[in-house]
């Protein structure tokens, strides 16, 4: 549920950011909050840290004391209301990772540029091997369009890297070689040895992979022109920062999954697409409805391809029944998807699946997700 708009009642955001509260309002910080009352306009007055804000939400929805976590800053800081007291260790690690994370698109663009440079062959053998392993961990569209291929891609996405290493059959060299996080860790270690000091974290342009934010279609990114014409060293410096940001992003998703009260995960799969690299984002959730005695899975996905634009989907499976909803930002893409509905119905019927719903809408869904947390947005 979103709470908006919020106006600052006792302090302006600019004033708070320039004073002592600036240090407390950092991304990932957990702040204490409590309702103070209701103003004449019916807006709830909240005390959050050193700020007093007004929110359009019923007082009955909030306890007398609760906590919020800062998710983003800027002109409209966004806060998540935590339903359970925050674990200090978890919050400290998450607070460190959130400002460092960025989407995979910058890293994939840098890898593509490096692959086209003949001077790549002059890099040390171990660095070339690490780059090759990272490239090898990219999945192909042919792989993820098969059930077993998608399952394997999810398994090797980095989300379950440590659990696989701890399994009785875990093999560190083999697991690191075909897992996205394992390949990132190997490359990051070599780049750390090359650089005199770690590069500053990449600026976080892509929202973190948090369940309450829902799905995000992530487009390809071109390499900045200034780097396209420079030599190898600037690209390696950029690669170092991109790898660190990608690692932080994987760890944010892992922390989110470990702290969630749901059997739900947000998983990102880098793809070797047609003429470039893309990012498939998957939200996977196990549903167990004890009241109805049913269970099943919900799979959401988001993808932004040059030929189709942003596309999102949600598949709800309560075997043998399936519901499919698709969204496309572009009308021509929605029409192309709808032309595939008849063969899709035939294939599902041949598999014994009962299709309850199959639809495609123009425009992307605006809701951040069915299980989103309460979010507070502050405006200056």
Protein backbone atom coordinates (compact mmCIF):
# COMPACT_ATOMS: atom_id res chain seq x y z
CA UNK A 1 0.00 0.00 0.00
CA UNK A 2 1.30 3.45 -0.89
CA UNK A 3 0.76 6.46 1.34
CA UNK A 4 0.94 9.68 -0.63
CA UNK A 5 1.30 12.53 -0.67
CA UNK A 6 3.23 13.44 2.45
CA UNK A 7 4.13 17.01 3.34
CA UNK A 8 6.58 18.04 6.01
CA UNK A 9 4.66 19.63 8.85
CA UNK A 10 7.24 20.80 11.40
CA UNK A 11 10.44 20.83 9.34
CA UNK A 12 11.19 21.14 5.65
CA UNK A 13 13.16 18.33 4.08
CA UNK A 14 15.91 20.69 2.97
CA UNK A 15 16.33 22.01 6.49
CA UNK A 16 16.41 18.54 7.98
CA UNK A 17 18.92 17.30 5.42
CA UNK A 18 21.30 20.14 6.19
CA UNK A 19 21.15 19.63 9.96
CA UNK A 20 21.81 16.84 12.40
CA UNK A 21 19.13 14.60 10.92
CA UNK A 22 21.08 14.28 7.66
CA UNK A 23 23.18 11.47 9.10
CA UNK A 24 20.14 9.54 10.34
CA UNK A 25 18.28 9.82 7.01
CA UNK A 26 20.58 7.58 5.01
CA UNK A 27 19.54 4.79 2.66
CA UNK A 28 18.97 1.63 4.68
CA UNK A 29 18.68 3.43 8.03
CA UNK A 30 15.90 2.27 10.37
CA UNK A 31 14.07 5.05 12.23
CA UNK A 32 11.54 4.96 15.05
CA UNK A 33 8.10 6.36 14.25
CA UNK A 34 4.81 7.02 16.05
CA UNK A 35 1.47 8.65 15.24
CA UNK A 36 0.90 12.06 16.89
CA UNK A 37 -2.68 12.77 15.87
CA UNK A 38 -4.80 13.97 12.98
CA UNK A 39 -4.78 17.46 11.47
CA UNK A 40 -7.91 19.43 10.41
CA UNK A 41 -7.61 18.04 6.86
CA UNK A 42 -7.83 14.47 8.13
CA UNK A 43 -4.16 13.69 7.50
CA UNK A 44 -2.32 11.60 10.07
CA UNK A 45 0.63 13.37 11.73
CA UNK A 46 3.64 11.09 12.22
CA UNK A 47 6.87 11.61 14.12
CA UNK A 48 9.64 9.86 12.16
CA UNK A 49 13.07 10.34 13.65
CA UNK A 50 13.49 14.11 14.02
CA UNK A 51 10.89 14.88 11.33
CA UNK A 52 7.16 15.43 11.64
CA UNK A 53 5.22 14.47 8.51
CA UNK A 54 1.59 14.24 7.42
CA UNK A 55 0.24 11.12 5.71
CA UNK A 56 -3.07 10.21 4.09
CA UNK A 57 -3.63 6.93 5.96
CA UNK A 58 -5.95 5.71 8.67
CA UNK A 59 -4.55 5.84 12.18
CA UNK A 60 -6.06 2.40 12.81
CA UNK A 61 -3.61 0.88 10.31
CA UNK A 62 -0.57 1.82 12.37
CA UNK A 63 0.55 0.74 15.83
CA UNK A 64 1.46 3.25 18.51
CA UNK A 65 5.16 2.57 17.90
CA UNK A 66 6.75 1.18 14.74
CA UNK A 67 9.87 1.38 12.61
CA UNK A 68 10.54 2.61 9.09
CA UNK A 69 13.49 1.95 6.79
CA UNK A 70 14.82 4.61 4.40
CA UNK A 71 14.73 3.19 0.87
CA UNK A 72 15.60 6.27 -1.19
CA UNK A 73 16.49 9.94 -0.76
CA UNK A 74 16.23 12.97 -3.02
CA UNK A 75 13.22 15.20 -3.58
CA UNK A 76 10.83 12.40 -2.53
CA UNK A 77 12.43 10.21 0.14
CA UNK A 78 10.69 6.86 0.35
CA UNK A 79 10.27 4.91 3.59
CA UNK A 80 9.16 1.34 4.22
CA UNK A 81 7.12 0.57 7.32
CA UNK A 82 8.53 -2.55 8.95
CA UNK A 83 6.00 -5.04 10.29
CA UNK A 84 8.57 -6.62 12.62
CA UNK A 85 11.37 -5.08 14.68
CA UNK A 86 14.51 -4.78 12.61
CA UNK A 87 17.48 -7.01 13.34
CA UNK A 88 20.49 -4.71 13.93
CA UNK A 89 22.96 -6.92 12.06
CA UNK A 90 20.64 -7.34 9.11
CA UNK A 91 19.97 -3.61 8.96
CA UNK A 92 23.65 -2.74 9.16
CA UNK A 93 24.52 -5.02 6.24
CA UNK A 94 21.55 -3.86 4.18
CA UNK A 95 22.41 -0.22 4.91
CA UNK A 96 25.90 -0.83 3.54
CA UNK A 97 24.71 -2.60 0.38
CA UNK A 98 21.80 -0.37 -0.70
CA UNK A 99 23.88 2.68 -1.69
CA UNK A 100 26.40 0.46 -3.50
CA UNK A 101 23.98 -1.57 -5.63
CA UNK A 102 23.05 -0.89 -9.21
CA UNK A 103 21.34 -2.83 -11.99
CA UNK A 104 23.15 -5.35 -14.15
CA UNK A 105 22.73 -3.32 -17.36
CA UNK A 106 25.89 -1.14 -16.85
CA UNK A 107 28.00 -4.25 -16.20
CA UNK A 108 26.58 -6.04 -19.25
CA UNK A 109 27.33 -2.99 -21.43
CA UNK A 110 30.92 -2.88 -20.16
CA UNK A 111 31.40 -6.60 -20.79
CA UNK A 112 30.12 -6.14 -24.33
CA UNK A 113 32.57 -3.31 -24.96
CA UNK A 114 35.49 -5.30 -23.56
CA UNK A 115 34.67 -8.29 -25.76
CA UNK A 116 35.06 -6.09 -28.85
CA UNK A 117 38.53 -4.79 -27.94
CA UNK A 118 41.43 -6.68 -29.56
CA UNK A 119 43.64 -5.57 -26.66
CA UNK A 120 41.57 -7.90 -24.45
CA UNK A 121 43.98 -10.66 -25.47
CA UNK A 122 46.79 -8.77 -23.74
CA UNK A 123 45.17 -8.99 -20.30
CA UNK A 124 46.66 -11.42 -17.75
CA UNK A 125 45.43 -15.00 -18.35
CA UNK A 126 43.66 -15.26 -14.99
CA UNK A 127 41.70 -12.07 -15.68
CA UNK A 128 40.73 -13.30 -19.15
CA UNK A 129 39.60 -16.59 -17.61
CA UNK A 130 37.49 -14.77 -15.00
CA UNK A 131 35.85 -12.67 -17.72
CA UNK A 132 35.16 -15.81 -19.75
CA UNK A 133 33.53 -17.48 -16.74
CA UNK A 134 31.30 -14.46 -16.19
CA UNK A 135 30.29 -14.52 -19.85
CA UNK A 136 29.65 -18.25 -19.54
CA UNK A 137 27.25 -17.67 -16.66
CA UNK A 138 24.92 -15.67 -18.94
CA UNK A 139 21.85 -17.62 -19.99
CA UNK A 140 20.38 -17.70 -23.50
CA UNK A 141 16.71 -17.16 -24.49
CA UNK A 142 16.58 -20.77 -25.75
CA UNK A 143 17.58 -22.01 -22.29
CA UNK A 144 15.08 -20.02 -20.23
CA UNK A 145 12.11 -20.81 -22.49
CA UNK A 146 12.33 -24.44 -21.31
CA UNK A 147 11.15 -25.37 -17.85
CA UNK A 148 14.36 -27.15 -16.92
CA UNK A 149 16.45 -24.34 -18.40
CA UNK A 150 14.60 -21.68 -16.39
CA UNK A 151 14.98 -23.76 -13.22
CA UNK A 152 18.72 -24.02 -13.85
CA UNK A 153 19.01 -20.30 -14.57
CA UNK A 154 17.26 -19.48 -11.27
CA UNK A 155 19.53 -21.90 -9.42
CA UNK A 156 22.65 -20.26 -10.91
CA UNK A 157 21.46 -16.65 -10.53
CA UNK A 158 23.60 -16.06 -7.42
CA UNK A 159 20.62 -16.05 -5.06
CA UNK A 160 21.40 -19.55 -3.75
CA UNK A 161 25.18 -19.53 -4.16
CA UNK A 162 26.14 -20.02 -0.50
CA UNK A 163 23.48 -22.66 0.14
CA UNK A 164 24.81 -24.70 -2.77
CA UNK A 165 28.34 -24.49 -1.40
CA UNK A 166 27.10 -25.75 1.97
CA UNK A 167 25.25 -28.70 0.46
CA UNK A 168 26.82 -32.17 0.91
CA UNK A 169 27.61 -32.29 -2.81
CA UNK A 170 28.91 -28.73 -2.99
CA UNK A 171 32.13 -28.26 -4.93
CA UNK A 172 33.62 -24.79 -4.64
CA UNK A 173 35.47 -24.55 -8.01
CA UNK A 174 32.59 -26.06 -9.96
CA UNK A 175 29.91 -24.02 -8.20
CA UNK A 176 31.83 -20.77 -8.63
CA UNK A 177 32.39 -21.46 -12.31
CA UNK A 178 28.74 -21.64 -13.37
CA UNK A 179 27.06 -19.37 -10.81
CA UNK A 180 26.57 -15.65 -11.46
CA UNK A 181 27.60 -14.57 -7.96
CA UNK A 182 30.51 -16.99 -7.89
CA UNK A 183 31.81 -15.59 -11.19
CA UNK A 184 31.35 -12.02 -9.91
CA UNK A 185 33.29 -12.81 -6.72
CA UNK A 186 36.18 -14.31 -8.67
CA UNK A 187 36.39 -11.33 -11.02
CA UNK A 188 36.03 -8.83 -8.16
CA UNK A 189 38.94 -10.45 -6.31
CA UNK A 190 41.23 -10.09 -9.33
CA UNK A 191 40.18 -6.50 -9.97
CA UNK A 192 40.76 -5.66 -6.28
CA UNK A 193 44.34 -6.87 -6.65
CA UNK A 194 44.81 -4.82 -9.82
CA UNK A 195 43.53 -1.50 -8.38
CA UNK A 196 45.46 0.47 -5.77
CA UNK A 197 42.16 1.17 -4.01
CA UNK A 198 38.58 0.03 -4.64
CA UNK A 199 36.67 2.37 -6.96
CA UNK A 200 33.85 4.46 -5.51
CA UNK A 201 30.48 2.68 -5.64
CA UNK A 202 28.54 3.15 -8.85
CA UNK A 203 25.66 5.61 -8.56
CA UNK A 204 22.48 3.65 -7.95
CA UNK A 205 20.25 4.39 -10.97
CA UNK A 206 18.21 1.19 -10.74
CA UNK A 207 15.85 0.58 -7.83
CA UNK A 208 16.99 -2.22 -5.50
CA UNK A 209 15.40 -5.68 -5.88
CA UNK A 210 13.00 -5.48 -2.93
CA UNK A 211 9.71 -7.39 -2.79
CA UNK A 212 7.65 -4.32 -1.87
CA UNK A 213 8.87 -2.50 -4.98
CA UNK A 214 7.57 -5.16 -7.32
CA UNK A 215 8.96 -5.91 -10.75
CA UNK A 216 11.09 -3.54 -12.81
CA UNK A 217 11.75 -3.92 -16.54
CA UNK A 218 15.39 -2.94 -17.11
CA UNK A 219 16.49 -1.80 -20.60
CA UNK A 220 19.89 -2.24 -22.18
CA UNK A 221 22.35 0.57 -21.63
CA UNK A 222 24.83 1.86 -24.22
CA UNK A 223 28.41 2.43 -23.17
CA UNK A 224 29.11 6.14 -22.56
CA UNK A 225 30.76 7.64 -25.68
CA UNK A 226 33.77 8.84 -23.70
CA UNK A 227 34.57 5.23 -22.78
CA UNK A 228 33.80 3.88 -26.23
CA UNK A 229 36.81 5.73 -27.64
CA UNK A 230 39.26 5.33 -24.75
CA UNK A 231 41.75 2.55 -24.11
CA UNK A 232 41.49 -0.50 -21.91
CA UNK A 233 42.31 1.06 -18.51
CA UNK A 234 39.17 3.25 -18.22
CA UNK A 235 37.04 0.26 -19.18
CA UNK A 236 38.67 -1.91 -16.52
CA UNK A 237 38.10 0.82 -13.93
CA UNK A 238 34.44 0.97 -14.94
CA UNK A 239 34.25 -2.83 -14.88
CA UNK A 240 35.57 -2.83 -11.31
CA UNK A 241 32.79 -0.50 -10.14
CA UNK A 242 30.11 -2.35 -12.13
CA UNK A 243 31.11 -5.72 -10.65
CA UNK A 244 31.02 -4.32 -7.11
CA UNK A 245 27.58 -2.82 -7.74
CA UNK A 246 26.26 -6.10 -9.20
CA UNK A 247 27.57 -8.03 -6.19
CA UNK A 248 25.88 -5.59 -3.82
CA UNK A 249 22.63 -6.03 -5.76
CA UNK A 250 22.74 -9.82 -5.46
CA UNK A 251 23.33 -9.48 -1.72
CA UNK A 252 20.43 -7.03 -1.30
CA UNK A 253 18.14 -9.61 -2.93
CA UNK A 254 19.54 -12.36 -0.69
CA UNK A 255 19.05 -10.25 2.44
CA UNK A 256 15.51 -9.37 1.41
CA UNK A 257 14.62 -13.03 0.86
CA UNK A 258 16.12 -14.10 4.18
CA UNK A 259 14.19 -11.46 6.12
CA UNK A 260 10.86 -11.91 4.32
CA UNK A 261 8.01 -13.66 6.10
CA UNK A 262 6.92 -15.05 2.72
CA UNK A 263 8.31 -17.86 0.60
CA UNK A 264 9.16 -15.31 -2.07
CA UNK A 265 12.20 -14.30 -4.05
CA UNK A 266 13.16 -11.64 -6.58
CA UNK A 267 15.69 -13.20 -8.95
CA UNK A 268 17.52 -11.52 -11.82
CA UNK A 269 18.91 -13.51 -14.73
CA UNK A 270 21.37 -11.85 -17.16
CA UNK A 271 20.73 -12.98 -20.72
CA UNK A 272 22.78 -13.14 -23.90
CA UNK A 273 20.18 -11.62 -26.19
CA UNK A 274 20.00 -10.75 -29.88
CA UNK A 275 22.75 -8.19 -30.50
CA UNK A 276 23.28 -7.43 -26.81
CA UNK A 277 22.63 -8.43 -23.21
CA UNK A 278 19.36 -8.15 -21.31
CA UNK A 279 18.08 -8.68 -17.76
CA UNK A 280 15.12 -10.92 -16.93
CA UNK A 281 13.65 -10.19 -13.51
CA UNK A 282 11.55 -12.91 -11.93
CA UNK A 283 9.42 -12.75 -8.78
CA UNK A 284 8.69 -16.25 -7.53
CA UNK A 285 6.32 -16.97 -4.64
CA UNK A 286 4.95 -20.15 -3.11
CA UNK A 287 1.32 -19.80 -2.02
CA UNK A 288 -0.09 -22.09 0.67
CA UNK A 289 -3.70 -21.23 1.48
CA UNK A 290 -4.50 -23.30 4.58
CA UNK A 291 -8.05 -21.92 4.75
CA UNK A 292 -8.91 -23.22 1.27
CA UNK A 293 -6.59 -26.22 1.46
CA UNK A 294 -4.83 -25.23 -1.76
CA UNK A 295 -1.31 -24.35 -2.75
CA UNK A 296 0.53 -23.26 -5.84
CA UNK A 297 2.99 -20.79 -7.31
CA UNK A 298 2.91 -17.25 -8.61
CA UNK A 299 5.58 -16.27 -11.10
CA UNK A 300 5.95 -12.68 -12.21
CA UNK A 301 8.47 -11.45 -14.73
CA UNK A 302 9.72 -8.20 -16.26
CA UNK A 303 11.81 -7.80 -19.39
CA UNK A 304 12.72 -4.89 -21.63
CA UNK A 305 13.85 -5.94 -25.13
CA UNK A 306 14.78 -3.47 -27.88
CA UNK A 307 12.27 -5.03 -30.30
CA UNK A 308 9.38 -5.22 -27.81
CA UNK A 309 9.93 -2.57 -25.16
CA UNK A 310 9.02 -3.19 -21.51
CA UNK A 311 6.87 -6.27 -20.90
CA UNK A 312 5.60 -7.69 -17.61
CA UNK A 313 3.63 -10.81 -16.77
CA UNK A 314 2.13 -12.78 -13.92
CA UNK A 315 1.35 -16.49 -13.98
CA UNK A 316 -0.71 -17.99 -11.16
CA UNK A 317 -0.64 -21.79 -11.06
CA UNK A 318 -3.02 -23.77 -8.85
CA UNK A 319 -2.56 -27.11 -10.53
CA UNK A 320 -4.15 -27.92 -12.90
CA UNK A 321 -5.51 -24.36 -13.29
CA UNK A 322 -3.45 -21.48 -14.66
CA UNK A 323 -4.09 -17.75 -15.03
CA UNK A 324 -1.85 -15.59 -17.22
CA UNK A 325 -1.84 -11.80 -17.30
CA UNK A 326 0.53 -9.81 -19.50
CA UNK A 327 1.27 -6.10 -19.82
CA UNK A 328 3.14 -4.34 -22.62
CA UNK A 329 4.06 -0.67 -22.70
CA UNK A 330 3.68 -0.51 -26.49
CA UNK A 331 0.41 -1.24 -28.29
CA UNK A 332 2.14 -3.04 -31.18
CA UNK A 333 3.86 -5.36 -28.69
CA UNK A 334 0.52 -6.18 -27.04
CA UNK A 335 -0.87 -7.08 -30.48
CA UNK A 336 2.13 -9.32 -31.22
CA UNK A 337 1.64 -11.12 -27.91
CA UNK A 338 -2.08 -11.59 -28.48
CA UNK A 339 -1.37 -13.24 -31.85
CA UNK A 340 0.38 -16.00 -29.90
CA UNK A 341 -2.61 -16.69 -27.65
CA UNK A 342 -4.21 -19.39 -29.85
CA UNK A 343 -1.10 -21.62 -30.13
CA UNK A 344 -0.44 -21.06 -26.42
CA UNK A 345 -3.94 -22.24 -25.51
CA UNK A 346 -3.47 -25.31 -27.68
CA UNK A 347 -0.13 -26.19 -26.08
CA UNK A 348 -1.51 -25.77 -22.56
CA UNK A 349 -4.56 -27.88 -23.36
CA UNK A 350 -2.29 -30.62 -24.70
CA UNK A 351 -0.47 -30.60 -21.34
CA UNK A 352 -3.71 -30.94 -19.39
CA UNK A 353 -3.60 -27.38 -18.02
CA UNK A 354 -6.93 -25.60 -17.54
CA UNK A 355 -6.55 -21.95 -18.55
CA UNK A 356 -8.72 -19.68 -16.41
CA UNK A 357 -7.44 -16.37 -17.80
CA UNK A 358 -5.20 -15.20 -20.63
CA UNK A 359 -5.04 -11.45 -21.21
CA UNK A 360 -2.68 -8.71 -22.35
CA UNK A 361 -3.10 -5.03 -21.50
CA UNK A 362 -1.41 -1.98 -22.96
CA UNK A 363 0.56 -0.13 -20.31
CA UNK A 364 2.53 -1.42 -17.36
CA UNK A 365 0.95 -2.16 -13.95
CA UNK A 366 1.50 0.61 -11.43
CA UNK A 367 1.00 -1.36 -8.23
CA UNK A 368 4.31 -2.24 -6.54
CA UNK A 369 3.02 -5.73 -5.75
CA UNK A 370 0.29 -7.60 -3.90
CA UNK A 371 2.46 -8.08 -0.83
CA UNK A 372 4.04 -4.65 -0.81
CA UNK A 373 4.86 -3.03 2.50
CA UNK A 374 3.46 0.32 3.54
CA UNK A 375 5.59 3.01 1.92
CA UNK A 376 5.90 6.63 2.97
CA UNK A 377 6.96 9.22 0.43
CA UNK A 378 8.13 12.62 1.68
CA UNK A 379 8.00 15.61 -0.64
CA UNK A 380 9.88 18.86 -0.15
